[in-house]
């Protein structure tokens, strides 16, 4: 159940960040149009450039945040330790654990091999 709640929280957080970003860009564009119509024409394209740079920076941050989750980075040692503990205590017939490997798989982990 905790995993399900964690996934829901991630989706809600992503939607909130997206909507907050929309509010920022809309406010900048509104301010640029109003200021350009009252003062100088070049304020409007300057506002558009600010929005462009903001959006590019946001997408770059999102890309690098998700890059390692997508390329199969090894799971943290704490996770591997918990996984080994669960495997060891799963059944009394388990006498030896040779190797435990887990990799990131999106926001979760993928257990690739257990011998």
PDB file of N, CA and C in Angstrom:
ATOM      1  N   UNK A   1       0.821  -1.192   0.000  1.00  0.00           N
ATOM      2  CA  UNK A   1       0.000   0.000   0.000  1.00  0.00           C
ATOM      3  C   UNK A   1       0.868   1.261   0.000  1.00  0.00           C
ATOM      4  N   UNK A   2       2.010   1.208   0.695  1.00  0.00           N
ATOM      5  CA  UNK A   2       2.885   2.377   0.744  1.00  0.00           C
ATOM      6  C   UNK A   2       3.404   2.736  -0.635  1.00  0.00           C
ATOM      7  N   UNK A   3       3.734   1.721  -1.443  1.00  0.00           N
ATOM      8  CA  UNK A   3       4.230   1.974  -2.790  1.00  0.00           C
ATOM      9  C   UNK A   3       3.173   2.670  -3.630  1.00  0.00           C
ATOM     10  N   UNK A   4       1.920   2.223  -3.498  1.00  0.00           N
ATOM     11  CA  UNK A   4       0.826   2.828  -4.247  1.00  0.00           C
ATOM     12  C   UNK A   4       0.662   4.293  -3.849  1.00  0.00           C
ATOM     13  N   UNK A   5       0.675   4.579  -2.539  1.00  0.00           N
ATOM     14  CA  UNK A   5       0.557   5.958  -2.069  1.00  0.00           C
ATOM     15  C   UNK A   5       1.734   6.800  -2.539  1.00  0.00           C
ATOM     16  N   UNK A   6       2.929   6.226  -2.542  1.00  0.00           N
ATOM     17  CA  UNK A   6       4.123   6.935  -3.002  1.00  0.00           C
ATOM     18  C   UNK A   6       3.999   7.289  -4.485  1.00  0.00           C
ATOM     19  N   UNK A   7       3.479   6.341  -5.288  1.00  0.00           N
ATOM     20  CA  UNK A   7       3.282   6.608  -6.713  1.00  0.00           C
ATOM     21  C   UNK A   7       2.258   7.714  -6.929  1.00  0.00           C
ATOM     22  N   UNK A   8       1.167   7.698  -6.152  1.00  0.00           N
ATOM     23  CA  UNK A   8       0.145   8.740  -6.258  1.00  0.00           C
ATOM     24  C   UNK A   8       0.758  10.090  -5.906  1.00  0.00           C
ATOM     25  N   UNK A   9       1.562  10.136  -4.842  1.00  0.00           N
ATOM     26  CA  UNK A   9       2.207  11.385  -4.440  1.00  0.00           C
ATOM     27  C   UNK A   9       3.120  11.910  -5.538  1.00  0.00           C
ATOM     28  N   UNK A  10       3.823  11.021  -6.217  1.00  0.00           N
ATOM     29  CA  UNK A  10       4.702  11.444  -7.311  1.00  0.00           C
ATOM     30  C   UNK A  10       3.889  12.070  -8.442  1.00  0.00           C
ATOM     31  N   UNK A  11       2.753  11.461  -8.772  1.00  0.00           N
ATOM     32  CA  UNK A  11       1.923  12.004  -9.843  1.00  0.00           C
ATOM     33  C   UNK A  11       1.335  13.352  -9.449  1.00  0.00           C
ATOM     34  N   UNK A  12       0.863  13.452  -8.214  1.00  0.00           N
ATOM     35  CA  UNK A  12       0.287  14.715  -7.738  1.00  0.00           C
ATOM     36  C   UNK A  12       1.358  15.796  -7.731  1.00  0.00           C
ATOM     37  N   UNK A  13       2.565  15.458  -7.278  1.00  0.00           N
ATOM     38  CA  UNK A  13       3.669  16.423  -7.242  1.00  0.00           C
ATOM     39  C   UNK A  13       4.028  16.868  -8.669  1.00  0.00           C
ATOM     40  N   UNK A  14       4.039  15.922  -9.612  1.00  0.00           N
ATOM     41  CA  UNK A  14       4.349  16.267 -11.002  1.00  0.00           C
ATOM     42  C   UNK A  14       3.300  17.204 -11.582  1.00  0.00           C
ATOM     43  N   UNK A  15       2.013  16.922 -11.318  1.00  0.00           N
ATOM     44  CA  UNK A  15       0.954  17.811 -11.794  1.00  0.00           C
ATOM     45  C   UNK A  15       1.056  19.191 -11.163  1.00  0.00           C
ATOM     46  N   UNK A  16       1.346  19.231  -9.876  1.00  0.00           N
ATOM     47  CA  UNK A  16       1.470  20.515  -9.181  1.00  0.00           C
ATOM     48  C   UNK A  16       2.625  21.332  -9.759  1.00  0.00           C
ATOM     49  N   UNK A  17       3.751  20.682 -10.003  1.00  0.00           N
ATOM     50  CA  UNK A  17       4.898  21.392 -10.589  1.00  0.00           C
ATOM     51  C   UNK A  17       4.560  21.903 -11.989  1.00  0.00           C
ATOM     52  N   UNK A  18       3.852  21.079 -12.761  1.00  0.00           N
ATOM     53  CA  UNK A  18       3.476  21.484 -14.119  1.00  0.00           C
ATOM     54  C   UNK A  18       2.546  22.701 -14.084  1.00  0.00           C
ATOM     55  N   UNK A  19       1.560  22.657 -13.220  1.00  0.00           N
ATOM     56  CA  UNK A  19       0.613  23.776 -13.136  1.00  0.00           C
ATOM     57  C   UNK A  19       1.287  25.040 -12.598  1.00  0.00           C
ATOM     58  N   UNK A  20       2.188  24.880 -11.647  1.00  0.00           N
ATOM     59  CA  UNK A  20       2.928  26.031 -11.124  1.00  0.00           C
ATOM     60  C   UNK A  20       3.784  26.659 -12.224  1.00  0.00           C
ATOM     61  N   UNK A  21       4.383  25.821 -13.046  1.00  0.00           N
ATOM     62  CA  UNK A  21       5.171  26.308 -14.185  1.00  0.00           C
ATOM     63  C   UNK A  21       4.276  27.062 -15.167  1.00  0.00           C
ATOM     64  N   UNK A  22       3.080  26.529 -15.417  1.00  0.00           N
ATOM     65  CA  UNK A  22       2.134  27.218 -16.303  1.00  0.00           C
ATOM     66  C   UNK A  22       1.744  28.585 -15.755  1.00  0.00           C
ATOM     67  N   UNK A  23       1.520  28.659 -14.458  1.00  0.00           N
ATOM     68  CA  UNK A  23       1.159  29.938 -13.842  1.00  0.00           C
ATOM     69  C   UNK A  23       2.292  30.941 -14.030  1.00  0.00           C
ATOM     70  N   UNK A  24       3.526  30.503 -13.801  1.00  0.00           N
ATOM     71  CA  UNK A  24       4.674  31.413 -13.973  1.00  0.00           C
ATOM     72  C   UNK A  24       4.765  31.934 -15.406  1.00  0.00           C
ATOM     73  N   UNK A  25       4.679  31.038 -16.375  1.00  0.00           N
ATOM     74  CA  UNK A  25       4.822  31.481 -17.772  1.00  0.00           C
ATOM     75  C   UNK A  25       3.652  32.371 -18.191  1.00  0.00           C
ATOM     76  N   UNK A  26       2.444  32.054 -17.715  1.00  0.00           N
ATOM     77  CA  UNK A  26       1.298  32.897 -18.052  1.00  0.00           C
ATOM     78  C   UNK A  26       1.420  34.288 -17.448  1.00  0.00           C
ATOM     79  N   UNK A  27       1.918  34.368 -16.216  1.00  0.00           N
ATOM     80  CA  UNK A  27       2.102  35.681 -15.590  1.00  0.00           C
ATOM     81  C   UNK A  27       3.167  36.499 -16.319  1.00  0.00           C
ATOM     82  N   UNK A  28       4.245  35.851 -16.713  1.00  0.00           N
ATOM     83  CA  UNK A  28       5.297  36.564 -17.449  1.00  0.00           C
ATOM     84  C   UNK A  28       4.756  37.063 -18.791  1.00  0.00           C
ATOM     85  N   UNK A  29       4.009  36.202 -19.495  1.00  0.00           N
ATOM     86  CA  UNK A  29       3.487  36.630 -20.801  1.00  0.00           C
ATOM     87  C   UNK A  29       2.460  37.747 -20.653  1.00  0.00           C
ATOM     88  N   UNK A  30       1.603  37.672 -19.650  1.00  0.00           N
ATOM     89  CA  UNK A  30       0.628  38.731 -19.412  1.00  0.00           C
ATOM     90  C   UNK A  30       1.318  40.049 -19.076  1.00  0.00           C
ATOM     91  N   UNK A  31       2.303  39.985 -18.185  1.00  0.00           N
ATOM     92  CA  UNK A  31       3.043  41.198 -17.807  1.00  0.00           C
ATOM     93  C   UNK A  31       3.771  41.786 -19.013  1.00  0.00           C
ATOM     94  N   UNK A  32       4.353  40.923 -19.840  1.00  0.00           N
ATOM     95  CA  UNK A  32       5.092  41.407 -21.014  1.00  0.00           C
ATOM     96  C   UNK A  32       4.158  42.097 -22.004  1.00  0.00           C
ATOM     97  N   UNK A  33       2.990  41.534 -22.237  1.00  0.00           N
ATOM     98  CA  UNK A  33       2.035  42.134 -23.178  1.00  0.00           C
ATOM     99  C   UNK A  33       1.529  43.474 -22.656  1.00  0.00           C
ATOM    100  N   UNK A  34       1.176  43.516 -21.388  1.00  0.00           N
ATOM    101  CA  UNK A  34       0.665  44.763 -20.811  1.00  0.00           C
ATOM    102  C   UNK A  34       1.746  45.846 -20.838  1.00  0.00           C
ATOM    103  N   UNK A  35       2.941  45.502 -20.414  1.00  0.00           N
ATOM    104  CA  UNK A  35       4.021  46.490 -20.406  1.00  0.00           C
ATOM    105  C   UNK A  35       4.401  46.933 -21.822  1.00  0.00           C
ATOM    106  N   UNK A  36       4.383  45.988 -22.766  1.00  0.00           N
ATOM    107  CA  UNK A  36       4.714  46.344 -24.153  1.00  0.00           C
ATOM    108  C   UNK A  36       3.666  47.268 -24.756  1.00  0.00           C
ATOM    109  N   UNK A  37       2.399  47.034 -24.438  1.00  0.00           N
ATOM    110  CA  UNK A  37       1.355  47.890 -25.007  1.00  0.00           C
ATOM    111  C   UNK A  37       1.377  49.296 -24.398  1.00  0.00           C
ATOM    112  N   UNK A  38       1.907  49.441 -23.207  1.00  0.00           N
ATOM    113  CA  UNK A  38       1.926  50.751 -22.554  1.00  0.00           C
ATOM    114  C   UNK A  38       3.248  51.497 -22.720  1.00  0.00           C
ATOM    115  N   UNK A  39       4.358  50.742 -22.814  1.00  0.00           N
ATOM    116  CA  UNK A  39       5.653  51.412 -22.808  1.00  0.00           C
ATOM    117  C   UNK A  39       6.463  51.181 -24.078  1.00  0.00           C
ATOM    118  N   UNK A  40       7.149  50.057 -24.159  1.00  0.00           N
ATOM    119  CA  UNK A  40       8.048  49.805 -25.287  1.00  0.00           C
ATOM    120  C   UNK A  40       7.681  48.490 -25.960  1.00  0.00           C
ATOM    121  N   UNK A  41       7.727  48.436 -27.291  1.00  0.00           N
ATOM    122  CA  UNK A  41       7.346  47.261 -28.051  1.00  0.00           C
ATOM    123  C   UNK A  41       8.249  46.063 -27.775  1.00  0.00           C
ATOM    124  N   UNK A  42       9.507  46.312 -27.459  1.00  0.00           N
ATOM    125  CA  UNK A  42      10.483  45.226 -27.319  1.00  0.00           C
ATOM    126  C   UNK A  42      10.322  44.448 -26.003  1.00  0.00           C
ATOM    127  N   UNK A  43       9.459  44.898 -25.118  1.00  0.00           N
ATOM    128  CA  UNK A  43       9.235  44.170 -23.861  1.00  0.00           C
ATOM    129  C   UNK A  43       8.541  42.828 -24.124  1.00  0.00           C
ATOM    130  N   UNK A  44       7.655  42.801 -25.126  1.00  0.00           N
ATOM    131  CA  UNK A  44       6.949  41.552 -25.447  1.00  0.00           C
ATOM    132  C   UNK A  44       7.914  40.453 -25.909  1.00  0.00           C
ATOM    133  N   UNK A  45       8.786  40.691 -26.903  1.00  0.00           N
ATOM    134  CA  UNK A  45       9.726  39.629 -27.278  1.00  0.00           C
ATOM    135  C   UNK A  45      10.729  39.297 -26.172  1.00  0.00           C
ATOM    136  N   UNK A  46      11.035  40.277 -25.323  1.00  0.00           N
ATOM    137  CA  UNK A  46      11.915  39.993 -24.182  1.00  0.00           C
ATOM    138  C   UNK A  46      11.232  39.029 -23.219  1.00  0.00           C
ATOM    139  N   UNK A  47       9.945  39.233 -22.970  1.00  0.00           N
ATOM    140  CA  UNK A  47       9.176  38.309 -22.133  1.00  0.00           C
ATOM    141  C   UNK A  47       9.138  36.912 -22.727  1.00  0.00           C
ATOM    142  N   UNK A  48       8.974  36.842 -24.055  1.00  0.00           N
ATOM    143  CA  UNK A  48       8.969  35.539 -24.724  1.00  0.00           C
ATOM    144  C   UNK A  48      10.319  34.841 -24.572  1.00  0.00           C
ATOM    145  N   UNK A  49      11.397  35.619 -24.656  1.00  0.00           N
ATOM    146  CA  UNK A  49      12.738  35.050 -24.483  1.00  0.00           C
ATOM    147  C   UNK A  49      12.929  34.541 -23.052  1.00  0.00           C
ATOM    148  N   UNK A  50      12.426  35.270 -22.083  1.00  0.00           N
ATOM    149  CA  UNK A  50      12.511  34.830 -20.683  1.00  0.00           C
ATOM    150  C   UNK A  50      11.747  33.518 -20.495  1.00  0.00           C
ATOM    151  N   UNK A  51      10.559  33.429 -21.084  1.00  0.00           N
ATOM    152  CA  UNK A  51       9.775  32.198 -20.996  1.00  0.00           C
ATOM    153  C   UNK A  51      10.523  31.047 -21.660  1.00  0.00           C
ATOM    154  N   UNK A  52      11.113  31.300 -22.805  1.00  0.00           N
ATOM    155  CA  UNK A  52      11.883  30.274 -23.515  1.00  0.00           C
ATOM    156  C   UNK A  52      13.027  29.756 -22.650  1.00  0.00           C
ATOM    157  N   UNK A  53      13.801  30.662 -22.069  1.00  0.00           N
ATOM    158  CA  UNK A  53      14.937  30.263 -21.242  1.00  0.00           C
ATOM    159  C   UNK A  53      14.475  29.510 -19.995  1.00  0.00           C
ATOM    160  N   UNK A  54      13.397  29.969 -19.390  1.00  0.00           N
ATOM    161  CA  UNK A  54      12.847  29.290 -18.211  1.00  0.00           C
ATOM    162  C   UNK A  54      12.410  27.869 -18.568  1.00  0.00           C
ATOM    163  N   UNK A  55      11.687  27.721 -19.683  1.00  0.00           N
ATOM    164  CA  UNK A  55      11.204  26.404 -20.098  1.00  0.00           C
ATOM    165  C   UNK A  55      12.357  25.472 -20.431  1.00  0.00           C
ATOM    166  N   UNK A  56      13.353  25.981 -21.147  1.00  0.00           N
ATOM    167  CA  UNK A  56      14.511  25.145 -21.479  1.00  0.00           C
ATOM    168  C   UNK A  56      15.238  24.689 -20.216  1.00  0.00           C
ATOM    169  N   UNK A  57      15.405  25.573 -19.250  1.00  0.00           N
ATOM    170  CA  UNK A  57      16.079  25.223 -18.008  1.00  0.00           C
ATOM    171  C   UNK A  57      15.279  24.180 -17.220  1.00  0.00           C
ATOM    172  N   UNK A  58      13.958  24.336 -17.177  1.00  0.00           N
ATOM    173  CA  UNK A  58      13.101  23.385 -16.474  1.00  0.00           C
ATOM    174  C   UNK A  58      13.172  22.007 -17.126  1.00  0.00           C
ATOM    175  N   UNK A  59      13.112  21.951 -18.451  1.00  0.00           N
ATOM    176  CA  UNK A  59      13.186  20.675 -19.159  1.00  0.00           C
ATOM    177  C   UNK A  59      14.555  20.026 -18.971  1.00  0.00           C
ATOM    178  N   UNK A  60      15.613  20.843 -18.950  1.00  0.00           N
ATOM    179  CA  UNK A  60      16.957  20.299 -18.742  1.00  0.00           C
ATOM    180  C   UNK A  60      17.062  19.655 -17.364  1.00  0.00           C
ATOM    181  N   UNK A  61      16.544  20.338 -16.340  1.00  0.00           N
ATOM    182  CA  UNK A  61      16.570  19.785 -14.981  1.00  0.00           C
ATOM    183  C   UNK A  61      15.774  18.479 -14.918  1.00  0.00           C
ATOM    184  N   UNK A  62      14.599  18.461 -15.527  1.00  0.00           N
ATOM    185  CA  UNK A  62      13.773  17.260 -15.531  1.00  0.00           C
ATOM    186  C   UNK A  62      14.483  16.111 -16.241  1.00  0.00           C
ATOM    187  N   UNK A  63      15.141  16.412 -17.346  1.00  0.00           N
ATOM    188  CA  UNK A  63      15.875  15.392 -18.094  1.00  0.00           C
ATOM    189  C   UNK A  63      16.951  14.756 -17.226  1.00  0.00           C
ATOM    190  N   UNK A  64      17.761  15.570 -16.565  1.00  0.00           N
ATOM    191  CA  UNK A  64      18.853  15.022 -15.768  1.00  0.00           C
ATOM    192  C   UNK A  64      18.351  14.336 -14.501  1.00  0.00           C
ATOM    193  N   UNK A  65      17.217  14.766 -13.947  1.00  0.00           N
ATOM    194  CA  UNK A  65      16.641  14.083 -12.793  1.00  0.00           C
ATOM    195  C   UNK A  65      16.199  12.672 -13.161  1.00  0.00           C
ATOM    196  N   UNK A  66      15.680  12.502 -14.369  1.00  0.00           N
ATOM    197  CA  UNK A  66      15.140  11.208 -14.785  1.00  0.00           C
ATOM    198  C   UNK A  66      16.130  10.350 -15.562  1.00  0.00           C
ATOM    199  N   UNK A  67      17.233  10.917 -15.989  1.00  0.00           N
ATOM    200  CA  UNK A  67      18.194  10.192 -16.811  1.00  0.00           C
ATOM    201  C   UNK A  67      18.693   8.933 -16.120  1.00  0.00           C
ATOM    202  N   UNK A  68      19.127   9.042 -14.871  1.00  0.00           N
ATOM    203  CA  UNK A  68      19.708   7.895 -14.188  1.00  0.00           C
ATOM    204  C   UNK A  68      18.663   6.831 -13.869  1.00  0.00           C
ATOM    205  N   UNK A  69      17.417   7.241 -13.701  1.00  0.00           N
ATOM    206  CA  UNK A  69      16.362   6.256 -13.482  1.00  0.00           C
ATOM    207  C   UNK A  69      16.070   5.473 -14.755  1.00  0.00           C
ATOM    208  N   UNK A  70      16.342   6.064 -15.897  1.00  0.00           N
ATOM    209  CA  UNK A  70      16.041   5.410 -17.171  1.00  0.00           C
ATOM    210  C   UNK A  70      17.179   4.541 -17.698  1.00  0.00           C
ATOM    211  N   UNK A  71      18.403   4.778 -17.255  1.00  0.00           N
ATOM    212  CA  UNK A  71      19.531   4.039 -17.821  1.00  0.00           C
ATOM    213  C   UNK A  71      19.915   2.810 -17.008  1.00  0.00           C
ATOM    214  N   UNK A  72      19.219   2.527 -15.933  1.00  0.00           N
ATOM    215  CA  UNK A  72      19.482   1.313 -15.180  1.00  0.00           C
ATOM    216  C   UNK A  72      20.633   1.421 -14.203  1.00  0.00           C
ATOM    217  N   UNK A  73      20.686   2.482 -13.471  1.00  0.00           N
ATOM    218  CA  UNK A  73      21.693   2.661 -12.426  1.00  0.00           C
ATOM    219  C   UNK A  73      21.449   1.620 -11.326  1.00  0.00           C
ATOM    220  N   UNK A  74      22.523   1.135 -10.729  1.00  0.00           N
ATOM    221  CA  UNK A  74      22.365   0.128  -9.680  1.00  0.00           C
ATOM    222  C   UNK A  74      21.619   0.700  -8.482  1.00  0.00           C
ATOM    223  N   UNK A  75      20.894  -0.168  -7.807  1.00  0.00           N
ATOM    224  CA  UNK A  75      20.107   0.255  -6.647  1.00  0.00           C
ATOM    225  C   UNK A  75      21.038   0.675  -5.511  1.00  0.00           C
ATOM    226  N   UNK A  76      20.583   1.550  -4.632  1.00  0.00           N
ATOM    227  CA  UNK A  76      21.414   1.982  -3.503  1.00  0.00           C
ATOM    228  C   UNK A  76      21.747   0.804  -2.572  1.00  0.00           C
ATOM    229  N   UNK A  77      22.880   0.878  -1.868  1.00  0.00           N
ATOM    230  CA  UNK A  77      23.279  -0.213  -0.968  1.00  0.00           C
ATOM    231  C   UNK A  77      22.227  -0.517   0.112  1.00  0.00           C
ATOM    232  N   UNK A  78      21.526   0.514   0.596  1.00  0.00           N
ATOM    233  CA  UNK A  78      20.498   0.290   1.616  1.00  0.00           C
ATOM    234  C   UNK A  78      19.378  -0.602   1.061  1.00  0.00           C
ATOM    235  N   UNK A  79      18.986  -0.343  -0.182  1.00  0.00           N
ATOM    236  CA  UNK A  79      17.939  -1.138  -0.822  1.00  0.00           C
ATOM    237  C   UNK A  79      18.412  -2.572  -1.013  1.00  0.00           C
ATOM    238  N   UNK A  80      19.653  -2.743  -1.474  1.00  0.00           N
ATOM    239  CA  UNK A  80      20.196  -4.088  -1.669  1.00  0.00           C
ATOM    240  C   UNK A  80      20.288  -4.836  -0.333  1.00  0.00           C
ATOM    241  N   UNK A  81      20.646  -4.120   0.725  1.00  0.00           N
ATOM    242  CA  UNK A  81      20.703  -4.740   2.042  1.00  0.00           C
ATOM    243  C   UNK A  81      19.339  -5.221   2.511  1.00  0.00           C
ATOM    244  N   UNK A  82      18.321  -4.396   2.335  1.00  0.00           N
ATOM    245  CA  UNK A  82      16.956  -4.786   2.715  1.00  0.00           C
ATOM    246  C   UNK A  82      16.474  -5.960   1.873  1.00  0.00           C
ATOM    247  N   UNK A  83      16.794  -5.914   0.582  1.00  0.00           N
ATOM    248  CA  UNK A  83      16.395  -6.988  -0.316  1.00  0.00           C
ATOM    249  C   UNK A  83      17.063  -8.302   0.081  1.00  0.00           C
ATOM    250  N   UNK A  84      18.356  -8.257   0.388  1.00  0.00           N
ATOM    251  CA  UNK A  84      19.080  -9.453   0.828  1.00  0.00           C
ATOM    252  C   UNK A  84      18.470  -9.998   2.117  1.00  0.00           C
ATOM    253  N   UNK A  85      18.135  -9.118   3.050  1.00  0.00           N
ATOM    254  CA  UNK A  85      17.508  -9.531   4.307  1.00  0.00           C
ATOM    255  C   UNK A  85      16.173 -10.234   4.040  1.00  0.00           C
ATOM    256  N   UNK A  86      15.359  -9.646   3.151  1.00  0.00           N
ATOM    257  CA  UNK A  86      14.065 -10.253   2.840  1.00  0.00           C
ATOM    258  C   UNK A  86      14.235 -11.619   2.185  1.00  0.00           C
ATOM    259  N   UNK A  87      15.195 -11.734   1.281  1.00  0.00           N
ATOM    260  CA  UNK A  87      15.438 -13.016   0.604  1.00  0.00           C
ATOM    261  C   UNK A  87      15.909 -14.055   1.612  1.00  0.00           C
ATOM    262  N   UNK A  88      16.847 -13.673   2.469  1.00  0.00           N
ATOM    263  CA  UNK A  88      17.421 -14.599   3.454  1.00  0.00           C
ATOM    264  C   UNK A  88      16.350 -15.117   4.414  1.00  0.00           C
ATOM    265  N   UNK A  89      15.425 -14.248   4.802  1.00  0.00           N
ATOM    266  CA  UNK A  89      14.400 -14.628   5.760  1.00  0.00           C
ATOM    267  C   UNK A  89      13.095 -15.097   5.120  1.00  0.00           C
ATOM    268  N   UNK A  90      13.080 -15.231   3.819  1.00  0.00           N
ATOM    269  CA  UNK A  90      11.857 -15.615   3.126  1.00  0.00           C
ATOM    270  C   UNK A  90      11.468 -17.061   3.413  1.00  0.00           C
ATOM    271  N   UNK A  91      12.451 -17.938   3.385  1.00  0.00           N
ATOM    272  CA  UNK A  91      12.148 -19.361   3.586  1.00  0.00           C
ATOM    273  C   UNK A  91      13.326 -20.041   4.244  1.00  0.00           C
ATOM    274  N   UNK A  92      13.029 -21.036   5.075  1.00  0.00           N
ATOM    275  CA  UNK A  92      14.096 -21.716   5.817  1.00  0.00           C
ATOM    276  C   UNK A  92      14.998 -22.566   4.932  1.00  0.00           C
ATOM    277  N   UNK A  93      14.541 -22.932   3.732  1.00  0.00           N
ATOM    278  CA  UNK A  93      15.370 -23.739   2.823  1.00  0.00           C
ATOM    279  C   UNK A  93      16.499 -22.933   2.176  1.00  0.00           C
ATOM    280  N   UNK A  94      16.457 -21.622   2.282  1.00  0.00           N
ATOM    281  CA  UNK A  94      17.523 -20.797   1.702  1.00  0.00           C
ATOM    282  C   UNK A  94      18.737 -20.886   2.613  1.00  0.00           C
ATOM    283  N   UNK A  95      19.817 -21.465   2.071  1.00  0.00           N
ATOM    284  CA  UNK A  95      21.037 -21.678   2.851  1.00  0.00           C
ATOM    285  C   UNK A  95      22.162 -20.734   2.447  1.00  0.00           C
ATOM    286  N   UNK A  96      22.100 -20.205   1.229  1.00  0.00           N
ATOM    287  CA  UNK A  96      23.194 -19.375   0.736  1.00  0.00           C
ATOM    288  C   UNK A  96      22.655 -18.370  -0.283  1.00  0.00           C
ATOM    289  N   UNK A  97      23.167 -17.160  -0.220  1.00  0.00           N
ATOM    290  CA  UNK A  97      22.860 -16.137  -1.221  1.00  0.00           C
ATOM    291  C   UNK A  97      24.191 -15.724  -1.827  1.00  0.00           C
ATOM    292  N   UNK A  98      24.331 -15.941  -3.108  1.00  0.00           N
ATOM    293  CA  UNK A  98      25.586 -15.612  -3.779  1.00  0.00           C
ATOM    294  C   UNK A  98      25.615 -14.157  -4.225  1.00  0.00           C
ATOM    295  N   UNK A  99      24.629 -13.761  -5.018  1.00  0.00           N
ATOM    296  CA  UNK A  99      24.626 -12.419  -5.592  1.00  0.00           C
ATOM    297  C   UNK A  99      23.203 -11.870  -5.632  1.00  0.00           C
ATOM    298  N   UNK A 100      23.075 -10.618  -5.237  1.00  0.00           N
ATOM    299  CA  UNK A 100      21.798  -9.910  -5.358  1.00  0.00           C
ATOM    300  C   UNK A 100      22.071  -8.651  -6.164  1.00  0.00           C
ATOM    301  N   UNK A 101      21.381  -8.507  -7.274  1.00  0.00           N
ATOM    302  CA  UNK A 101      21.547  -7.319  -8.123  1.00  0.00           C
ATOM    303  C   UNK A 101      20.181  -6.707  -8.393  1.00  0.00           C
ATOM    304  N   UNK A 102      20.133  -5.399  -8.285  1.00  0.00           N
ATOM    305  CA  UNK A 102      18.897  -4.673  -8.584  1.00  0.00           C
ATOM    306  C   UNK A 102      19.279  -3.362  -9.268  1.00  0.00           C
ATOM    307  N   UNK A 103      18.488  -2.987 -10.242  1.00  0.00           N
ATOM    308  CA  UNK A 103      18.734  -1.776 -11.019  1.00  0.00           C
ATOM    309  C   UNK A 103      17.489  -0.907 -11.012  1.00  0.00           C
ATOM    310  N   UNK A 104      17.694   0.388 -11.221  1.00  0.00           N
ATOM    311  CA  UNK A 104      16.539   1.268 -11.324  1.00  0.00           C
ATOM    312  C   UNK A 104      15.759   0.920 -12.584  1.00  0.00           C
ATOM    313  N   UNK A 105      14.470   1.044 -12.476  1.00  0.00           N
ATOM    314  CA  UNK A 105      13.564   0.762 -13.586  1.00  0.00           C
ATOM    315  C   UNK A 105      12.463   1.795 -13.494  1.00  0.00           C
ATOM    316  N   UNK A 106      12.712   2.986 -14.058  1.00  0.00           N
ATOM    317  CA  UNK A 106      11.809   4.108 -13.871  1.00  0.00           C
ATOM    318  C   UNK A 106      11.939   4.596 -12.442  1.00  0.00           C
ATOM    319  N   UNK A 107      10.839   4.633 -11.708  1.00  0.00           N
ATOM    320  CA  UNK A 107      10.896   5.056 -10.312  1.00  0.00           C
ATOM    321  C   UNK A 107      11.006   3.863  -9.367  1.00  0.00           C
ATOM    322  N   UNK A 108      11.019   2.636  -9.908  1.00  0.00           N
ATOM    323  CA  UNK A 108      11.113   1.429  -9.102  1.00  0.00           C
ATOM    324  C   UNK A 108      12.452   0.737  -9.355  1.00  0.00           C
ATOM    325  N   UNK A 109      12.559  -0.508  -8.860  1.00  0.00           N
ATOM    326  CA  UNK A 109      13.787  -1.268  -9.051  1.00  0.00           C
ATOM    327  C   UNK A 109      13.461  -2.603  -9.715  1.00  0.00           C
ATOM    328  N   UNK A 110      14.407  -3.124 -10.472  1.00  0.00           N
ATOM    329  CA  UNK A 110      14.270  -4.379 -11.185  1.00  0.00           C
ATOM    330  C   UNK A 110      15.316  -5.338 -10.644  1.00  0.00           C
ATOM    331  N   UNK A 111      14.883  -6.486 -10.166  1.00  0.00           N
ATOM    332  CA  UNK A 111      15.793  -7.503  -9.662  1.00  0.00           C
ATOM    333  C   UNK A 111      16.205  -8.362 -10.842  1.00  0.00           C
ATOM    334  N   UNK A 112      17.478  -8.289 -11.216  1.00  0.00           N
ATOM    335  CA  UNK A 112      17.893  -8.941 -12.453  1.00  0.00           C
ATOM    336  C   UNK A 112      18.327 -10.384 -12.264  1.00  0.00           C
ATOM    337  N   UNK A 113      19.006 -10.675 -11.153  1.00  0.00           N
ATOM    338  CA  UNK A 113      19.500 -12.043 -11.003  1.00  0.00           C
ATOM    339  C   UNK A 113      19.681 -12.369  -9.531  1.00  0.00           C
ATOM    340  N   UNK A 114      19.322 -13.543  -9.178  1.00  0.00           N
ATOM    341  CA  UNK A 114      19.503 -14.007  -7.811  1.00  0.00           C
ATOM    342  C   UNK A 114      19.967 -15.447  -7.867  1.00  0.00           C
ATOM    343  N   UNK A 115      21.172 -15.733  -7.354  1.00  0.00           N
ATOM    344  CA  UNK A 115      21.657 -17.115  -7.369  1.00  0.00           C
ATOM    345  C   UNK A 115      22.066 -17.532  -5.983  1.00  0.00           C
TER     346      UNK A 115
END
